[in-house]
C-alpha cells in the first residue's frame, strides 16, 4: 500500500488587469488510484517576483506581465488608494 501526494497546476486564469489566478491541485493516490484531491488558489499580481513560481506560471507571467501591464496595474492600485482617502 503506497500513498503518494503530488501538486500540479490545475488552472491559470488571466484577469483583465493582468492578475494571474493560479489553482494548485494536490492529489493523494493509493497504489496509483486517486483517493483525495484538494485545491488551493492564489493570485500573482503584475510586477510580483516570479522566481518562486512553477515554470508554467513563470512562462505565462513573463508573457502577460509586460511593462505596460505592470504600469497600468500599479496606476489602478494607486488610483484606488487615493479614492479611499
N, C-alpha and C. Protein backbone atom coordinates (compact mmCIF):
# COMPACT_ATOMS: atom_id res chain seq x y z
N UNK A 1 0.85 -1.17 0.00
CA UNK A 1 0.00 0.00 0.00
C UNK A 1 0.89 1.23 0.00
N UNK A 2 1.00 1.86 -1.16
CA UNK A 2 1.84 3.05 -1.28
C UNK A 2 0.95 4.28 -1.44
N UNK A 3 1.17 5.26 -0.55
CA UNK A 3 0.48 6.53 -0.65
C UNK A 3 1.44 7.55 -1.26
N UNK A 4 0.95 8.28 -2.24
CA UNK A 4 1.75 9.34 -2.84
C UNK A 4 0.92 10.62 -2.89
N UNK A 5 1.62 11.72 -2.88
CA UNK A 5 0.98 13.03 -2.97
C UNK A 5 1.75 13.86 -3.99
N UNK A 6 0.99 14.53 -4.87
CA UNK A 6 1.64 15.38 -5.85
C UNK A 6 0.82 16.65 -6.04
N UNK A 7 1.51 17.72 -6.32
CA UNK A 7 0.86 19.00 -6.58
C UNK A 7 1.10 19.39 -8.02
N UNK A 8 0.04 19.79 -8.69
CA UNK A 8 0.14 20.23 -10.08
C UNK A 8 -0.70 21.49 -10.24
N UNK A 9 -0.38 22.26 -11.26
CA UNK A 9 -1.20 23.43 -11.56
C UNK A 9 -2.44 22.93 -12.30
N UNK A 10 -3.59 23.19 -11.71
CA UNK A 10 -4.85 22.76 -12.31
C UNK A 10 -5.40 23.79 -13.27
N UNK A 11 -5.12 25.06 -13.00
CA UNK A 11 -5.65 26.13 -13.87
C UNK A 11 -4.90 27.42 -13.60
N UNK A 12 -4.76 28.21 -14.65
CA UNK A 12 -4.26 29.58 -14.52
C UNK A 12 -5.22 30.45 -15.31
N UNK A 13 -5.84 31.40 -14.61
CA UNK A 13 -6.79 32.31 -15.25
C UNK A 13 -6.15 33.69 -15.30
N UNK A 14 -6.20 34.32 -16.45
CA UNK A 14 -5.64 35.66 -16.63
C UNK A 14 -6.80 36.65 -16.56
N UNK A 15 -6.77 37.55 -15.58
CA UNK A 15 -7.80 38.56 -15.44
C UNK A 15 -7.50 39.76 -16.34
N UNK A 16 -8.49 40.60 -16.55
CA UNK A 16 -8.34 41.72 -17.48
C UNK A 16 -7.26 42.71 -17.04
N UNK A 17 -6.97 42.78 -15.74
CA UNK A 17 -5.94 43.71 -15.26
C UNK A 17 -4.55 43.06 -15.21
N UNK A 18 -4.43 41.82 -15.70
CA UNK A 18 -3.14 41.15 -15.75
C UNK A 18 -2.87 40.22 -14.59
N UNK A 19 -3.74 40.21 -13.59
CA UNK A 19 -3.53 39.28 -12.48
C UNK A 19 -3.67 37.85 -12.97
N UNK A 20 -2.87 36.97 -12.40
CA UNK A 20 -2.97 35.54 -12.68
C UNK A 20 -3.58 34.86 -11.47
N UNK A 21 -4.69 34.18 -11.65
CA UNK A 21 -5.26 33.36 -10.59
C UNK A 21 -4.77 31.94 -10.83
N UNK A 22 -4.03 31.41 -9.88
CA UNK A 22 -3.41 30.09 -10.03
C UNK A 22 -4.12 29.11 -9.10
N UNK A 23 -4.56 27.98 -9.67
CA UNK A 23 -5.14 26.92 -8.85
C UNK A 23 -4.18 25.74 -8.82
N UNK A 24 -3.79 25.35 -7.62
CA UNK A 24 -2.91 24.21 -7.42
C UNK A 24 -3.76 23.03 -6.94
N UNK A 25 -3.66 21.92 -7.64
CA UNK A 25 -4.37 20.70 -7.25
C UNK A 25 -3.39 19.79 -6.52
N UNK A 26 -3.74 19.39 -5.32
CA UNK A 26 -2.94 18.41 -4.57
C UNK A 26 -3.70 17.09 -4.61
N UNK A 27 -3.08 16.09 -5.20
CA UNK A 27 -3.71 14.79 -5.41
C UNK A 27 -3.03 13.75 -4.52
N UNK A 28 -3.83 13.00 -3.78
CA UNK A 28 -3.33 11.89 -2.97
C UNK A 28 -3.77 10.60 -3.65
N UNK A 29 -2.81 9.71 -3.86
CA UNK A 29 -3.10 8.44 -4.51
C UNK A 29 -2.68 7.27 -3.62
N UNK A 30 -3.46 6.23 -3.70
CA UNK A 30 -3.13 4.98 -3.01
C UNK A 30 -2.99 3.91 -4.07
N UNK A 31 -1.79 3.37 -4.16
CA UNK A 31 -1.49 2.34 -5.17
C UNK A 31 -1.90 2.79 -6.58
N UNK A 32 -1.63 4.06 -6.89
CA UNK A 32 -1.89 4.57 -8.22
C UNK A 32 -3.31 5.04 -8.48
N UNK A 33 -4.20 4.93 -7.49
CA UNK A 33 -5.59 5.35 -7.65
C UNK A 33 -5.85 6.58 -6.78
N UNK A 34 -6.44 7.60 -7.39
CA UNK A 34 -6.72 8.84 -6.65
C UNK A 34 -7.74 8.58 -5.55
N UNK A 35 -7.38 9.02 -4.32
CA UNK A 35 -8.32 8.87 -3.20
C UNK A 35 -8.72 10.23 -2.61
N UNK A 36 -8.00 11.28 -2.96
CA UNK A 36 -8.35 12.61 -2.48
C UNK A 36 -7.75 13.67 -3.38
N UNK A 37 -8.43 14.82 -3.43
CA UNK A 37 -7.93 15.95 -4.21
C UNK A 37 -8.34 17.21 -3.47
N UNK A 38 -7.38 18.11 -3.28
CA UNK A 38 -7.64 19.40 -2.65
C UNK A 38 -7.16 20.51 -3.58
N UNK A 39 -7.78 21.67 -3.43
CA UNK A 39 -7.45 22.81 -4.27
C UNK A 39 -6.99 23.99 -3.42
N UNK A 40 -6.04 24.71 -3.93
CA UNK A 40 -5.57 25.94 -3.29
C UNK A 40 -5.42 26.98 -4.40
N UNK A 41 -5.96 28.17 -4.16
CA UNK A 41 -5.86 29.24 -5.15
C UNK A 41 -5.07 30.41 -4.57
N UNK A 42 -4.36 31.08 -5.45
CA UNK A 42 -3.66 32.30 -5.06
C UNK A 42 -3.51 33.18 -6.28
N UNK A 43 -3.15 34.44 -6.06
CA UNK A 43 -3.06 35.42 -7.12
C UNK A 43 -1.62 35.90 -7.27
N UNK A 44 -1.19 36.05 -8.51
CA UNK A 44 0.10 36.66 -8.83
C UNK A 44 -0.21 37.97 -9.54
N UNK A 45 0.18 39.07 -8.92
CA UNK A 45 -0.07 40.40 -9.48
C UNK A 45 1.02 40.79 -10.48
N UNK A 46 0.66 41.64 -11.44
CA UNK A 46 1.69 42.17 -12.34
C UNK A 46 2.78 42.87 -11.53
N UNK A 47 4.02 42.55 -11.80
CA UNK A 47 5.14 43.13 -11.07
C UNK A 47 5.65 42.27 -9.93
N UNK A 48 4.89 41.23 -9.54
CA UNK A 48 5.35 40.33 -8.48
C UNK A 48 6.57 39.54 -8.96
N UNK A 49 7.40 39.13 -8.01
CA UNK A 49 8.56 38.29 -8.30
C UNK A 49 8.07 36.90 -8.71
N UNK A 50 8.45 36.44 -9.86
CA UNK A 50 8.02 35.14 -10.38
C UNK A 50 9.01 34.02 -10.10
N UNK A 51 10.14 34.33 -9.51
CA UNK A 51 11.21 33.35 -9.37
C UNK A 51 10.81 32.13 -8.52
N UNK A 52 9.88 32.27 -7.61
CA UNK A 52 9.47 31.14 -6.77
C UNK A 52 8.30 30.36 -7.34
N UNK A 53 7.82 30.76 -8.51
CA UNK A 53 6.68 30.10 -9.12
C UNK A 53 7.12 28.90 -9.95
N UNK A 54 6.18 27.98 -10.18
CA UNK A 54 6.46 26.86 -11.07
C UNK A 54 6.71 27.38 -12.48
N UNK A 55 7.40 26.60 -13.29
CA UNK A 55 7.81 27.04 -14.63
C UNK A 55 6.64 27.51 -15.48
N UNK A 56 5.52 26.81 -15.42
CA UNK A 56 4.36 27.19 -16.24
C UNK A 56 3.85 28.58 -15.85
N UNK A 57 3.77 28.86 -14.56
CA UNK A 57 3.32 30.16 -14.08
C UNK A 57 4.32 31.24 -14.47
N UNK A 58 5.61 30.95 -14.38
CA UNK A 58 6.64 31.91 -14.78
C UNK A 58 6.51 32.25 -16.27
N UNK A 59 6.31 31.24 -17.09
CA UNK A 59 6.21 31.47 -18.53
C UNK A 59 5.01 32.36 -18.87
N UNK A 60 3.87 32.06 -18.29
CA UNK A 60 2.68 32.86 -18.54
C UNK A 60 2.85 34.26 -17.96
N UNK A 61 3.42 34.35 -16.76
CA UNK A 61 3.64 35.65 -16.13
C UNK A 61 4.55 36.54 -16.95
N UNK A 62 5.62 35.98 -17.49
CA UNK A 62 6.54 36.78 -18.31
C UNK A 62 5.86 37.27 -19.57
N UNK A 63 4.96 36.46 -20.14
CA UNK A 63 4.26 36.85 -21.36
C UNK A 63 3.20 37.91 -21.09
N UNK A 64 2.50 37.79 -19.98
CA UNK A 64 1.38 38.68 -19.67
C UNK A 64 1.82 39.95 -18.97
N UNK A 65 2.78 39.84 -18.07
CA UNK A 65 3.20 40.99 -17.25
C UNK A 65 4.23 41.85 -17.99
N UNK A 66 3.78 42.48 -19.04
CA UNK A 66 4.63 43.40 -19.79
C UNK A 66 4.80 44.69 -19.00
N UNK A 67 5.79 45.51 -19.34
CA UNK A 67 5.95 46.78 -18.62
C UNK A 67 4.67 47.64 -18.65
N UNK A 68 3.95 47.64 -19.75
CA UNK A 68 2.71 48.42 -19.84
C UNK A 68 1.63 47.89 -18.90
N UNK A 69 1.51 46.56 -18.80
CA UNK A 69 0.52 45.96 -17.91
C UNK A 69 0.88 46.26 -16.46
N UNK A 70 2.16 46.15 -16.11
CA UNK A 70 2.60 46.44 -14.75
C UNK A 70 2.32 47.90 -14.40
N UNK A 71 2.62 48.80 -15.33
CA UNK A 71 2.38 50.23 -15.10
C UNK A 71 0.90 50.51 -14.90
N UNK A 72 0.05 49.95 -15.74
CA UNK A 72 -1.40 50.16 -15.63
C UNK A 72 -1.94 49.57 -14.32
N UNK A 73 -1.44 48.41 -13.93
CA UNK A 73 -1.88 47.78 -12.68
C UNK A 73 -1.49 48.64 -11.48
N UNK A 74 -0.25 49.10 -11.46
CA UNK A 74 0.22 49.96 -10.37
C UNK A 74 -0.57 51.26 -10.32
N UNK A 75 -0.86 51.84 -11.49
CA UNK A 75 -1.63 53.08 -11.53
C UNK A 75 -3.05 52.87 -11.01
N UNK A 76 -3.67 51.77 -11.40
CA UNK A 76 -5.03 51.47 -10.92
C UNK A 76 -5.04 51.28 -9.40
N UNK A 77 -4.00 50.64 -8.88
CA UNK A 77 -3.90 50.44 -7.43
C UNK A 77 -3.73 51.79 -6.73
N UNK A 78 -2.89 52.66 -7.28
CA UNK A 78 -2.68 54.00 -6.71
C UNK A 78 -3.98 54.80 -6.75
N UNK A 79 -4.68 54.77 -7.88
CA UNK A 79 -5.94 55.50 -8.02
C UNK A 79 -6.96 55.01 -6.99
N UNK A 80 -7.00 53.72 -6.76
CA UNK A 80 -7.95 53.14 -5.80
C UNK A 80 -7.63 53.61 -4.38
N UNK A 81 -6.32 53.64 -4.04
CA UNK A 81 -5.91 54.08 -2.71
C UNK A 81 -6.23 55.56 -2.50
N UNK A 82 -6.03 56.37 -3.53
CA UNK A 82 -6.31 57.80 -3.44
C UNK A 82 -7.81 58.04 -3.26
N UNK A 83 -8.64 57.28 -3.96
CA UNK A 83 -10.09 57.47 -3.86
C UNK A 83 -10.63 57.05 -2.51
N UNK A 84 -9.93 56.17 -1.80
CA UNK A 84 -10.35 55.76 -0.45
C UNK A 84 -10.03 56.82 0.59
N UNK A 85 -9.03 57.65 0.31
CA UNK A 85 -8.59 58.65 1.29
C UNK A 85 -9.52 59.83 1.39
